[in-house]
Amino acid sequence: MIIDKGMLVRFVATVIVVGAVGYFTMYTLWPPQPVSRLEPPDTTIPVGGTPAQTEGDYFAEHRMERDRERSARLELLKNMMNNPHLDAAARATAQMEIINASTRREQEKQIERLIMAQGFADAVVVFGEGNAVAVVRAASLTEGEALTIAETVCNISGLHLRNVRVRFRK
């Protein structure tokens, strides 16, 4: 077998460039954030009520916003599924996305219940593309608590630990 040196050099250079671009992209778009570097967001609780009773409850508002966005997306997907001008593959893709959204919704609810069963007053979980964010109602979180919450998310969702962020709000 004859190997052309020029072709081999171009192949190796291409592999190196693709690897470097992939490495750069992975660590600039999704930088690893260890659990020990978690910081609370700036929050204030209005005087005259507990966090669960205040009008601007972060957790309730976040759940409502998540549900509104999901409903709008599901409506769009249902319209795509029922569109006779789209081919069968596009309609099948829309149907799979509807099923995936339903699965994610159930996973979010299950994870939120499991986090609250760990002793936290409230929790909200939101999935993104290949990642998840869990926000719990707490004055602070220890590294162990954050790790337990992240592992709960990983066990239910199948995500890798590095793709799960844990935050807390008072």
C-alpha atoms as a PDB file:
ATOM      1  CA  MET A   1       0.000   0.000   0.000  1.00  0.00           C
ATOM      2  CA  ILE A   2       1.391   3.384  -1.010  1.00  0.00           C
ATOM      3  CA  ILE A   3       0.741   6.310   1.317  1.00  0.00           C
ATOM      4  CA  ASP A   4       0.984   9.794  -0.131  1.00  0.00           C
ATOM      5  CA  LYS A   5       2.912  11.974   2.355  1.00  0.00           C
ATOM      6  CA  GLY A   6       1.040  15.114   1.351  1.00  0.00           C
ATOM      7  CA  MET A   7      -2.313  13.459   1.938  1.00  0.00           C
ATOM      8  CA  LEU A   8      -1.136  12.076   5.287  1.00  0.00           C
ATOM      9  CA  VAL A   9       0.077  15.519   6.390  1.00  0.00           C
ATOM     10  CA  ARG A  10      -3.240  17.117   5.394  1.00  0.00           C
ATOM     11  CA  PHE A  11      -5.158  14.399   7.243  1.00  0.00           C
ATOM     12  CA  VAL A  12      -3.113  14.823  10.442  1.00  0.00           C
ATOM     13  CA  ALA A  13      -3.404  18.619  10.219  1.00  0.00           C
ATOM     14  CA  THR A  14      -7.174  18.352   9.773  1.00  0.00           C
ATOM     15  CA  VAL A  15      -7.488  16.053  12.791  1.00  0.00           C
ATOM     16  CA  ILE A  16      -5.428  18.451  14.914  1.00  0.00           C
ATOM     17  CA  VAL A  17      -7.440  21.494  13.808  1.00  0.00           C
ATOM     18  CA  VAL A  18     -10.784  19.762  14.401  1.00  0.00           C
ATOM     19  CA  GLY A  19      -9.610  18.569  17.816  1.00  0.00           C
ATOM     20  CA  ALA A  20      -8.368  22.025  18.791  1.00  0.00           C
ATOM     21  CA  VAL A  21     -11.599  23.694  17.661  1.00  0.00           C
ATOM     22  CA  GLY A  22     -13.675  21.096  19.519  1.00  0.00           C
ATOM     23  CA  TYR A  23     -11.607  21.493  22.682  1.00  0.00           C
ATOM     24  CA  PHE A  24     -11.772  25.287  22.493  1.00  0.00           C
ATOM     25  CA  THR A  25     -15.529  25.243  21.864  1.00  0.00           C
ATOM     26  CA  MET A  26     -16.219  22.794  24.661  1.00  0.00           C
ATOM     27  CA  TYR A  27     -14.344  24.771  27.300  1.00  0.00           C
ATOM     28  CA  THR A  28     -15.418  28.249  26.225  1.00  0.00           C
ATOM     29  CA  LEU A  29     -19.108  27.581  25.664  1.00  0.00           C
ATOM     30  CA  TRP A  30     -19.511  25.104  28.531  1.00  0.00           C
ATOM     31  CA  PRO A  31     -16.738  25.847  31.038  1.00  0.00           C
ATOM     32  CA  PRO A  32     -16.609  23.385  33.912  1.00  0.00           C
ATOM     33  CA  GLN A  33     -17.872  24.903  37.136  1.00  0.00           C
ATOM     34  CA  PRO A  34     -17.008  22.875  40.205  1.00  0.00           C
ATOM     35  CA  VAL A  35     -19.629  22.536  42.912  1.00  0.00           C
ATOM     36  CA  SER A  36     -17.376  24.273  45.443  1.00  0.00           C
ATOM     37  CA  ARG A  37     -17.547  27.560  43.486  1.00  0.00           C
ATOM     38  CA  LEU A  38     -21.293  27.987  43.764  1.00  0.00           C
ATOM     39  CA  GLU A  39     -22.402  31.463  44.720  1.00  0.00           C
ATOM     40  CA  PRO A  40     -25.883  32.597  45.675  1.00  0.00           C
ATOM     41  CA  PRO A  41     -27.692  34.989  43.380  1.00  0.00           C
ATOM     42  CA  ASP A  42     -28.467  38.418  44.787  1.00  0.00           C
ATOM     43  CA  THR A  43     -31.919  38.222  46.288  1.00  0.00           C
ATOM     44  CA  THR A  44     -34.012  40.184  48.693  1.00  0.00           C
ATOM     45  CA  ILE A  45     -37.169  39.071  50.415  1.00  0.00           C
ATOM     46  CA  PRO A  46     -39.822  41.741  50.957  1.00  0.00           C
ATOM     47  CA  VAL A  47     -40.663  42.527  54.572  1.00  0.00           C
ATOM     48  CA  GLY A  48     -44.021  41.261  55.738  1.00  0.00           C
ATOM     49  CA  GLY A  49     -44.078  37.730  54.425  1.00  0.00           C
ATOM     50  CA  THR A  50     -42.222  34.500  54.113  1.00  0.00           C
ATOM     51  CA  PRO A  51     -40.615  33.680  50.788  1.00  0.00           C
ATOM     52  CA  ALA A  52     -43.328  31.137  49.945  1.00  0.00           C
ATOM     53  CA  GLN A  53     -46.055  33.707  50.578  1.00  0.00           C
ATOM     54  CA  THR A  54     -44.610  36.747  48.823  1.00  0.00           C
ATOM     55  CA  GLU A  55     -46.263  37.999  45.675  1.00  0.00           C
ATOM     56  CA  GLY A  56     -43.076  37.756  43.621  1.00  0.00           C
ATOM     57  CA  ASP A  57     -42.141  34.202  44.596  1.00  0.00           C
ATOM     58  CA  TYR A  58     -39.203  33.223  42.410  1.00  0.00           C
ATOM     59  CA  PHE A  59     -40.040  29.530  42.372  1.00  0.00           C
ATOM     60  CA  ALA A  60     -43.715  29.927  41.464  1.00  0.00           C
ATOM     61  CA  GLU A  61     -42.912  32.530  38.808  1.00  0.00           C
ATOM     62  CA  HIS A  62     -40.143  30.393  37.366  1.00  0.00           C
ATOM     63  CA  ARG A  63     -42.435  27.366  37.127  1.00  0.00           C
ATOM     64  CA  MET A  64     -45.136  29.445  35.424  1.00  0.00           C
ATOM     65  CA  GLU A  65     -42.639  30.891  32.945  1.00  0.00           C
ATOM     66  CA  ARG A  66     -41.233  27.424  32.234  1.00  0.00           C
ATOM     67  CA  ASP A  67     -44.757  26.100  31.625  1.00  0.00           C
ATOM     68  CA  ARG A  68     -45.648  29.045  29.353  1.00  0.00           C
ATOM     69  CA  GLU A  69     -42.541  28.508  27.231  1.00  0.00           C
ATOM     70  CA  ARG A  70     -43.162  24.777  27.063  1.00  0.00           C
ATOM     71  CA  SER A  71     -46.818  25.291  26.083  1.00  0.00           C
ATOM     72  CA  ALA A  72     -45.836  27.661  23.283  1.00  0.00           C
ATOM     73  CA  ARG A  73     -43.257  25.184  21.997  1.00  0.00           C
ATOM     74  CA  LEU A  74     -45.719  22.285  22.186  1.00  0.00           C
ATOM     75  CA  GLU A  75     -48.322  24.314  20.309  1.00  0.00           C
ATOM     76  CA  LEU A  76     -45.805  24.992  17.541  1.00  0.00           C
ATOM     77  CA  LEU A  77     -44.852  21.313  17.373  1.00  0.00           C
ATOM     78  CA  LYS A  78     -48.502  20.232  17.260  1.00  0.00           C
ATOM     79  CA  ASN A  79     -49.113  22.646  14.389  1.00  0.00           C
ATOM     80  CA  MET A  80     -46.118  21.145  12.581  1.00  0.00           C
ATOM     81  CA  MET A  81     -47.443  17.639  13.183  1.00  0.00           C
ATOM     82  CA  ASN A  82     -50.831  18.551  11.740  1.00  0.00           C
ATOM     83  CA  ASN A  83     -49.443  20.453   8.748  1.00  0.00           C
ATOM     84  CA  PRO A  84     -50.232  18.437   5.603  1.00  0.00           C
ATOM     85  CA  HIS A  85     -47.581  20.341   3.619  1.00  0.00           C
ATOM     86  CA  LEU A  86     -44.720  18.910   5.692  1.00  0.00           C
ATOM     87  CA  ASP A  87     -43.222  15.573   4.805  1.00  0.00           C
ATOM     88  CA  ALA A  88     -43.624  12.533   7.036  1.00  0.00           C
ATOM     89  CA  ALA A  89     -40.088  12.819   8.421  1.00  0.00           C
ATOM     90  CA  ALA A  90     -40.662  16.380   9.677  1.00  0.00           C
ATOM     91  CA  ARG A  91     -43.960  15.381  11.274  1.00  0.00           C
ATOM     92  CA  ALA A  92     -42.298  12.370  12.914  1.00  0.00           C
ATOM     93  CA  THR A  93     -39.540  14.628  14.264  1.00  0.00           C
ATOM     94  CA  ALA A  94     -42.143  16.990  15.720  1.00  0.00           C
ATOM     95  CA  GLN A  95     -43.919  14.046  17.322  1.00  0.00           C
ATOM     96  CA  MET A  96     -40.656  12.818  18.900  1.00  0.00           C
ATOM     97  CA  GLU A  97     -39.956  16.307  20.254  1.00  0.00           C
ATOM     98  CA  ILE A  98     -43.415  16.366  21.842  1.00  0.00           C
ATOM     99  CA  ILE A  99     -42.707  13.023  23.504  1.00  0.00           C
ATOM    100  CA  ASN A 100     -39.281  14.234  24.687  1.00  0.00           C
ATOM    101  CA  ALA A 101     -40.810  17.423  26.120  1.00  0.00           C
ATOM    102  CA  SER A 102     -43.353  15.361  28.021  1.00  0.00           C
ATOM    103  CA  THR A 103     -40.610  13.123  29.389  1.00  0.00           C
ATOM    104  CA  ARG A 104     -38.541  16.138  30.476  1.00  0.00           C
ATOM    105  CA  ARG A 105     -41.579  17.678  32.190  1.00  0.00           C
ATOM    106  CA  GLU A 106     -42.104  14.502  34.220  1.00  0.00           C
ATOM    107  CA  GLN A 107     -38.393  14.333  35.057  1.00  0.00           C
ATOM    108  CA  GLU A 108     -38.419  17.953  36.253  1.00  0.00           C
ATOM    109  CA  LYS A 109     -41.377  17.279  38.539  1.00  0.00           C
ATOM    110  CA  GLN A 110     -39.863  14.063  39.883  1.00  0.00           C
ATOM    111  CA  ILE A 111     -36.505  15.719  40.595  1.00  0.00           C
ATOM    112  CA  GLU A 112     -38.195  18.687  42.294  1.00  0.00           C
ATOM    113  CA  ARG A 113     -40.139  16.315  44.580  1.00  0.00           C
ATOM    114  CA  LEU A 114     -36.983  14.341  45.408  1.00  0.00           C
ATOM    115  CA  ILE A 115     -35.059  17.524  46.237  1.00  0.00           C
ATOM    116  CA  MET A 116     -37.858  18.704  48.535  1.00  0.00           C
ATOM    117  CA  ALA A 117     -37.859  15.252  50.149  1.00  0.00           C
ATOM    118  CA  GLN A 118     -34.227  15.947  51.071  1.00  0.00           C
ATOM    119  CA  GLY A 119     -35.477  18.735  53.345  1.00  0.00           C
ATOM    120  CA  PHE A 120     -35.483  21.792  51.094  1.00  0.00           C
ATOM    121  CA  ALA A 121     -38.550  24.047  51.210  1.00  0.00           C
ATOM    122  CA  ASP A 122     -38.839  24.436  47.432  1.00  0.00           C
ATOM    123  CA  ALA A 123     -36.991  23.620  44.229  1.00  0.00           C
ATOM    124  CA  VAL A 124     -37.268  24.227  40.519  1.00  0.00           C
ATOM    125  CA  VAL A 125     -35.424  22.297  37.811  1.00  0.00           C
ATOM    126  CA  VAL A 126     -35.053  23.404  34.207  1.00  0.00           C
ATOM    127  CA  PHE A 127     -33.525  21.353  31.413  1.00  0.00           C
ATOM    128  CA  GLY A 128     -31.660  22.922  28.532  1.00  0.00           C
ATOM    129  CA  GLU A 129     -29.937  21.326  25.571  1.00  0.00           C
ATOM    130  CA  GLY A 130     -27.848  18.678  27.286  1.00  0.00           C
ATOM    131  CA  ASN A 131     -27.774  20.407  30.670  1.00  0.00           C
ATOM    132  CA  ALA A 132     -29.915  21.178  33.691  1.00  0.00           C
ATOM    133  CA  VAL A 133     -30.135  23.839  36.383  1.00  0.00           C
ATOM    134  CA  ALA A 134     -31.587  23.116  39.810  1.00  0.00           C
ATOM    135  CA  VAL A 135     -32.439  26.039  42.090  1.00  0.00           C
ATOM    136  CA  VAL A 136     -33.360  25.286  45.700  1.00  0.00           C
ATOM    137  CA  ARG A 137     -34.820  27.485  48.413  1.00  0.00           C
ATOM    138  CA  ALA A 138     -32.086  27.657  51.043  1.00  0.00           C
ATOM    139  CA  ALA A 139     -30.061  30.244  52.911  1.00  0.00           C
ATOM    140  CA  SER A 140     -26.923  28.461  51.729  1.00  0.00           C
ATOM    141  CA  LEU A 141     -25.718  25.131  50.420  1.00  0.00           C
ATOM    142  CA  THR A 142     -22.839  23.005  51.533  1.00  0.00           C
ATOM    143  CA  GLU A 143     -20.749  21.298  48.912  1.00  0.00           C
ATOM    144  CA  GLY A 144     -22.202  17.967  50.025  1.00  0.00           C
ATOM    145  CA  GLU A 145     -25.796  19.187  49.669  1.00  0.00           C
ATOM    146  CA  ALA A 146     -25.084  20.607  46.222  1.00  0.00           C
ATOM    147  CA  LEU A 147     -23.448  17.353  45.169  1.00  0.00           C
ATOM    148  CA  THR A 148     -26.407  15.313  46.461  1.00  0.00           C
ATOM    149  CA  ILE A 149     -28.823  17.527  44.512  1.00  0.00           C
ATOM    150  CA  ALA A 150     -26.683  17.285  41.367  1.00  0.00           C
ATOM    151  CA  GLU A 151     -26.492  13.495  41.695  1.00  0.00           C
ATOM    152  CA  THR A 152     -30.283  13.349  42.049  1.00  0.00           C
ATOM    153  CA  VAL A 153     -30.620  15.290  38.797  1.00  0.00           C
ATOM    154  CA  CYS A 154     -28.077  13.003  37.103  1.00  0.00           C
ATOM    155  CA  ASN A 155     -29.756   9.806  38.295  1.00  0.00           C
ATOM    156  CA  ILE A 156     -33.173  10.816  36.977  1.00  0.00           C
ATOM    157  CA  SER A 157     -32.139  12.626  33.792  1.00  0.00           C
ATOM    158  CA  GLY A 158     -29.111  10.620  32.704  1.00  0.00           C
ATOM    159  CA  LEU A 159     -27.040  13.796  32.370  1.00  0.00           C
ATOM    160  CA  HIS A 160     -23.372  13.865  33.291  1.00  0.00           C
ATOM    161  CA  LEU A 161     -22.496  15.625  36.548  1.00  0.00           C
ATOM    162  CA  ARG A 162     -20.520  18.346  34.752  1.00  0.00           C
ATOM    163  CA  ASN A 163     -23.706  19.347  32.882  1.00  0.00           C
ATOM    164  CA  VAL A 164     -25.728  20.017  36.035  1.00  0.00           C
ATOM    165  CA  ARG A 165     -25.672  23.354  37.869  1.00  0.00           C
ATOM    166  CA  VAL A 166     -27.049  23.785  41.376  1.00  0.00           C
ATOM    167  CA  ARG A 167     -28.022  27.200  42.734  1.00  0.00           C
ATOM    168  CA  PHE A 168     -29.820  28.434  45.806  1.00  0.00           C
ATOM    169  CA  ARG A 169     -32.091  31.346  46.617  1.00  0.00           C
ATOM    170  CA  LYS A 170     -33.304  32.560  49.951  1.00  0.00           C
END
